[in-house]
PDB file of N, CA and C in Angstrom:
ATOM      1  N   MET A   1       1.122  -0.852   0.153  1.00  0.00           N
ATOM      2  CA  MET A   1       0.241  -0.291  -0.219  1.00  0.00           C
ATOM      3  C   MET A   1       0.828   1.475   0.176  1.00  0.00           C
ATOM      4  N   LEU A   2      -0.086   2.488  -0.725  1.00  0.00           N
ATOM      5  CA  LEU A   2       0.445   3.208  -0.937  1.00  0.00           C
ATOM      6  C   LEU A   2       0.459   4.695   0.569  1.00  0.00           C
ATOM      7  N   ILE A   3       0.810   4.958   0.880  1.00  0.00           N
ATOM      8  CA  ILE A   3       0.177   6.417   1.705  1.00  0.00           C
ATOM      9  C   ILE A   3       1.470   7.459   1.872  1.00  0.00           C
ATOM     10  N   LEU A   4       0.662   8.264   1.271  1.00  0.00           N
ATOM     11  CA  LEU A   4       0.731   9.910   0.948  1.00  0.00           C
ATOM     12  C   LEU A   4       0.018  11.251   1.784  1.00  0.00           C
ATOM     13  N   SER A   5       0.817  11.717   2.337  1.00  0.00           N
ATOM     14  CA  SER A   5       0.035  12.793   2.482  1.00  0.00           C
ATOM     15  C   SER A   5      -0.243  13.766   1.540  1.00  0.00           C
ATOM     16  N   ARG A   6      -1.204  15.355   2.023  1.00  0.00           N
ATOM     17  CA  ARG A   6      -1.500  15.364   1.221  1.00  0.00           C
ATOM     18  C   ARG A   6      -2.689  16.768   1.923  1.00  0.00           C
ATOM     19  N   ARG A   7      -2.297  18.111   1.758  1.00  0.00           N
ATOM     20  CA  ARG A   7      -3.214  18.902   2.778  1.00  0.00           C
ATOM     21  C   ARG A   7      -4.447  19.271   1.186  1.00  0.00           C
ATOM     22  N   LYS A   8      -4.823  20.168   2.229  1.00  0.00           N
ATOM     23  CA  LYS A   8      -6.656  20.943   1.258  1.00  0.00           C
ATOM     24  C   LYS A   8      -6.239  21.128   0.210  1.00  0.00           C
ATOM     25  N   ASN A   9      -6.685  21.369  -1.012  1.00  0.00           N
ATOM     26  CA  ASN A   9      -6.559  21.257  -2.397  1.00  0.00           C
ATOM     27  C   ASN A   9      -5.165  20.611  -3.177  1.00  0.00           C
ATOM     28  N   GLU A  10      -4.623  20.256  -2.229  1.00  0.00           N
ATOM     29  CA  GLU A  10      -3.723  19.355  -3.023  1.00  0.00           C
ATOM     30  C   GLU A  10      -4.382  18.416  -3.614  1.00  0.00           C
ATOM     31  N   ALA A  11      -3.902  17.821  -4.726  1.00  0.00           N
ATOM     32  CA  ALA A  11      -4.373  15.971  -5.737  1.00  0.00           C
ATOM     33  C   ALA A  11      -2.397  15.192  -5.185  1.00  0.00           C
ATOM     34  N   ILE A  12      -3.215  13.962  -5.995  1.00  0.00           N
ATOM     35  CA  ILE A  12      -2.568  13.235  -6.398  1.00  0.00           C
ATOM     36  C   ILE A  12      -2.969  12.280  -8.105  1.00  0.00           C
ATOM     37  N   PHE A  13      -2.450  12.295  -8.920  1.00  0.00           N
ATOM     38  CA  PHE A  13      -2.975  11.297  -9.579  1.00  0.00           C
ATOM     39  C   PHE A  13      -3.174  10.581 -10.034  1.00  0.00           C
ATOM     40  N   ILE A  14      -3.824   9.125 -10.929  1.00  0.00           N
ATOM     41  CA  ILE A  14      -3.528   8.002 -10.402  1.00  0.00           C
ATOM     42  C   ILE A  14      -2.948   7.570 -12.632  1.00  0.00           C
ATOM     43  N   GLY A  15      -2.911   7.043 -12.861  1.00  0.00           N
ATOM     44  CA  GLY A  15      -2.162   7.309 -14.039  1.00  0.00           C
ATOM     45  C   GLY A  15      -2.330   8.699 -14.875  1.00  0.00           C
ATOM     46  N   ASP A  16      -2.574   8.424 -15.786  1.00  0.00           N
ATOM     47  CA  ASP A  16      -3.211  10.169 -17.085  1.00  0.00           C
ATOM     48  C   ASP A  16      -4.141  10.384 -16.708  1.00  0.00           C
ATOM     49  N   ASP A  17      -5.418   9.533 -16.377  1.00  0.00           N
ATOM     50  CA  ASP A  17      -7.145   9.932 -16.361  1.00  0.00           C
ATOM     51  C   ASP A  17      -7.201   9.926 -14.970  1.00  0.00           C
ATOM     52  N   ILE A  18      -7.113   9.794 -13.654  1.00  0.00           N
ATOM     53  CA  ILE A  18      -7.409   9.796 -13.164  1.00  0.00           C
ATOM     54  C   ILE A  18      -6.568  10.396 -11.863  1.00  0.00           C
ATOM     55  N   ARG A  19      -7.954  11.973 -11.165  1.00  0.00           N
ATOM     56  CA  ARG A  19      -6.871  13.125 -10.169  1.00  0.00           C
ATOM     57  C   ARG A  19      -7.815  12.817  -8.947  1.00  0.00           C
ATOM     58  N   VAL A  20      -7.071  12.300  -7.683  1.00  0.00           N
ATOM     59  CA  VAL A  20      -8.386  12.841  -7.491  1.00  0.00           C
ATOM     60  C   VAL A  20      -7.778  14.046  -6.003  1.00  0.00           C
ATOM     61  N   SER A  21      -8.510  14.949  -5.237  1.00  0.00           N
ATOM     62  CA  SER A  21      -7.937  15.878  -4.357  1.00  0.00           C
ATOM     63  C   SER A  21      -8.281  15.832  -3.304  1.00  0.00           C
ATOM     64  N   VAL A  22      -7.707  16.827  -2.409  1.00  0.00           N
ATOM     65  CA  VAL A  22      -8.216  16.756  -1.508  1.00  0.00           C
ATOM     66  C   VAL A  22      -9.330  18.241  -0.934  1.00  0.00           C
ATOM     67  N   VAL A  23     -10.384  18.201  -0.502  1.00  0.00           N
ATOM     68  CA  VAL A  23     -11.781  19.248  -0.804  1.00  0.00           C
ATOM     69  C   VAL A  23     -12.226  19.045  -0.073  1.00  0.00           C
ATOM     70  N   GLU A  24     -11.169  19.058   1.383  1.00  0.00           N
ATOM     71  CA  GLU A  24     -12.306  19.554   2.578  1.00  0.00           C
ATOM     72  C   GLU A  24     -11.396  18.097   3.957  1.00  0.00           C
ATOM     73  N   LEU A  25     -10.773  19.188   4.624  1.00  0.00           N
ATOM     74  CA  LEU A  25     -11.109  18.457   6.156  1.00  0.00           C
ATOM     75  C   LEU A  25     -11.653  18.649   7.447  1.00  0.00           C
ATOM     76  N   THR A  26     -12.061  17.467   8.226  1.00  0.00           N
ATOM     77  CA  THR A  26     -12.630  17.281   9.597  1.00  0.00           C
ATOM     78  C   THR A  26     -12.054  17.459  10.615  1.00  0.00           C
ATOM     79  N   ALA A  27     -12.448  17.307  11.550  1.00  0.00           N
ATOM     80  CA  ALA A  27     -11.724  16.546  12.891  1.00  0.00           C
ATOM     81  C   ALA A  27     -12.563  15.207  12.644  1.00  0.00           C
ATOM     82  N   LYS A  28     -13.706  14.848  11.740  1.00  0.00           N
ATOM     83  CA  LYS A  28     -13.874  14.184  11.499  1.00  0.00           C
ATOM     84  C   LYS A  28     -13.676  13.488  10.688  1.00  0.00           C
ATOM     85  N   TYR A  29     -13.470  13.959   9.638  1.00  0.00           N
ATOM     86  CA  TYR A  29     -13.180  13.027   8.269  1.00  0.00           C
ATOM     87  C   TYR A  29     -12.696  13.553   6.625  1.00  0.00           C
ATOM     88  N   ILE A  30     -12.457  12.918   5.815  1.00  0.00           N
ATOM     89  CA  ILE A  30     -11.919  13.579   4.801  1.00  0.00           C
ATOM     90  C   ILE A  30     -12.618  13.817   3.716  1.00  0.00           C
ATOM     91  N   ARG A  31     -12.572  15.620   2.780  1.00  0.00           N
ATOM     92  CA  ARG A  31     -13.891  14.932   1.388  1.00  0.00           C
ATOM     93  C   ARG A  31     -11.868  15.034   0.242  1.00  0.00           C
ATOM     94  N   LEU A  32     -13.171  13.613  -0.602  1.00  0.00           N
ATOM     95  CA  LEU A  32     -12.480  13.199  -1.975  1.00  0.00           C
ATOM     96  C   LEU A  32     -13.453  14.055  -2.961  1.00  0.00           C
ATOM     97  N   GLY A  33     -12.186  14.190  -3.892  1.00  0.00           N
ATOM     98  CA  GLY A  33     -12.589  15.021  -5.155  1.00  0.00           C
ATOM     99  C   GLY A  33     -12.488  14.176  -6.003  1.00  0.00           C
ATOM    100  N   PHE A  34     -12.837  13.395  -7.354  1.00  0.00           N
ATOM    101  CA  PHE A  34     -12.418  12.574  -8.675  1.00  0.00           C
ATOM    102  C   PHE A  34     -13.033  12.726  -9.228  1.00  0.00           C
ATOM    103  N   GLU A  35     -11.796  12.624 -10.689  1.00  0.00           N
ATOM    104  CA  GLU A  35     -12.016  13.547 -11.615  1.00  0.00           C
ATOM    105  C   GLU A  35     -11.282  12.158 -12.668  1.00  0.00           C
ATOM    106  N   ALA A  36     -11.713  11.673 -13.180  1.00  0.00           N
ATOM    107  CA  ALA A  36     -11.563  10.352 -14.301  1.00  0.00           C
ATOM    108  C   ALA A  36     -12.782  10.822 -15.837  1.00  0.00           C
ATOM    109  N   LYS A  37     -12.465   9.892 -16.470  1.00  0.00           N
ATOM    110  CA  LYS A  37     -13.230  10.063 -17.790  1.00  0.00           C
ATOM    111  C   LYS A  37     -14.625   8.754 -16.948  1.00  0.00           C
ATOM    112  N   ARG A  38     -16.029   9.092 -17.934  1.00  0.00           N
ATOM    113  CA  ARG A  38     -17.116   8.254 -17.916  1.00  0.00           C
ATOM    114  C   ARG A  38     -16.628   7.115 -17.574  1.00  0.00           C
ATOM    115  N   GLU A  39     -16.281   6.766 -18.581  1.00  0.00           N
ATOM    116  CA  GLU A  39     -16.077   5.393 -18.635  1.00  0.00           C
ATOM    117  C   GLU A  39     -15.763   4.569 -17.738  1.00  0.00           C
ATOM    118  N   ILE A  40     -14.545   5.259 -16.279  1.00  0.00           N
ATOM    119  CA  ILE A  40     -14.320   4.376 -15.243  1.00  0.00           C
ATOM    120  C   ILE A  40     -15.183   4.366 -14.299  1.00  0.00           C
ATOM    121  N   PRO A  41     -15.374   3.334 -13.995  1.00  0.00           N
ATOM    122  CA  PRO A  41     -16.426   3.485 -12.660  1.00  0.00           C
ATOM    123  C   PRO A  41     -16.128   3.794 -11.289  1.00  0.00           C
ATOM    124  N   ILE A  42     -16.079   4.600 -10.560  1.00  0.00           N
ATOM    125  CA  ILE A  42     -15.842   4.674  -8.827  1.00  0.00           C
ATOM    126  C   ILE A  42     -16.658   4.706  -7.679  1.00  0.00           C
ATOM    127  N   TYR A  43     -16.086   3.634  -7.207  1.00  0.00           N
ATOM    128  CA  TYR A  43     -17.673   3.381  -5.911  1.00  0.00           C
ATOM    129  C   TYR A  43     -17.123   3.576  -4.691  1.00  0.00           C
ATOM    130  N   ARG A  44     -17.453   4.166  -3.636  1.00  0.00           N
ATOM    131  CA  ARG A  44     -16.859   3.429  -1.756  1.00  0.00           C
ATOM    132  C   ARG A  44     -17.072   2.424  -1.836  1.00  0.00           C
ATOM    133  N   GLU A  45     -16.726   2.250  -1.303  1.00  0.00           N
ATOM    134  CA  GLU A  45     -16.170   0.733  -0.899  1.00  0.00           C
ATOM    135  C   GLU A  45     -16.995  -0.098  -0.528  1.00  0.00           C
ATOM    136  N   GLU A  46     -18.200   0.267   0.829  1.00  0.00           N
ATOM    137  CA  GLU A  46     -19.477  -1.163   0.197  1.00  0.00           C
ATOM    138  C   GLU A  46     -19.932  -0.885  -0.443  1.00  0.00           C
ATOM    139  N   ILE A  47     -19.970  -0.392  -1.410  1.00  0.00           N
ATOM    140  CA  ILE A  47     -20.923  -0.284  -2.739  1.00  0.00           C
ATOM    141  C   ILE A  47     -20.004  -1.156  -3.712  1.00  0.00           C
ATOM    142  N   TYR A  48     -18.388  -1.126  -3.836  1.00  0.00           N
ATOM    143  CA  TYR A  48     -18.108  -2.446  -4.188  1.00  0.00           C
ATOM    144  C   TYR A  48     -17.974  -3.561  -4.439  1.00  0.00           C
ATOM    145  N   ARG A  49     -18.897  -3.936  -2.614  1.00  0.00           N
ATOM    146  CA  ARG A  49     -17.771  -5.031  -2.156  1.00  0.00           C
ATOM    147  C   ARG A  49     -20.094  -5.475  -2.282  1.00  0.00           C
ATOM    148  N   ARG A  50     -20.622  -4.784  -2.192  1.00  0.00           N
ATOM    149  CA  ARG A  50     -21.818  -5.592  -2.290  1.00  0.00           C
ATOM    150  C   ARG A  50     -22.195  -5.315  -3.991  1.00  0.00           C
ATOM    151  N   LYS A  51     -21.333  -5.393  -5.050  1.00  0.00           N
ATOM    152  CA  LYS A  51     -21.575  -5.176  -6.227  1.00  0.00           C
ATOM    153  C   LYS A  51     -20.951  -6.348  -6.634  1.00  0.00           C
ATOM    154  N   GLN A  52     -19.901  -6.472  -5.977  1.00  0.00           N
ATOM    155  CA  GLN A  52     -18.947  -7.985  -6.175  1.00  0.00           C
ATOM    156  C   GLN A  52     -19.921  -8.951  -4.957  1.00  0.00           C
ATOM    157  N   ARG A  53     -20.387  -9.105  -4.208  1.00  0.00           N
ATOM    158  CA  ARG A  53     -21.376 -10.525  -3.643  1.00  0.00           C
ATOM    159  C   ARG A  53     -22.281 -10.378  -4.730  1.00  0.00           C
ATOM    160  N   ALA A  54     -22.732  -9.526  -5.056  1.00  0.00           N
ATOM    161  CA  ALA A  54     -24.148  -9.720  -6.166  1.00  0.00           C
ATOM    162  C   ALA A  54     -23.798 -10.912  -7.151  1.00  0.00           C
ATOM    163  N   LYS A  55     -22.570 -10.485  -7.632  1.00  0.00           N
ATOM    164  CA  LYS A  55     -22.609 -11.154  -9.255  1.00  0.00           C
ATOM    165  C   LYS A  55     -22.192 -12.880  -9.041  1.00  0.00           C
TER     166      LYS A  55
END
């Protein structure tokens, strides 16, 4: 696992097609923004796992 530190308004790129930005930080959570081509699905983990079990 790669672990990176980012501050608000900073971002990382995954390949050339996915940008993940830190949108907001609070004491309890972090809000992330994702930019990717529409063809690339993005799921929260619990939704992804539910989808995998349904197969």
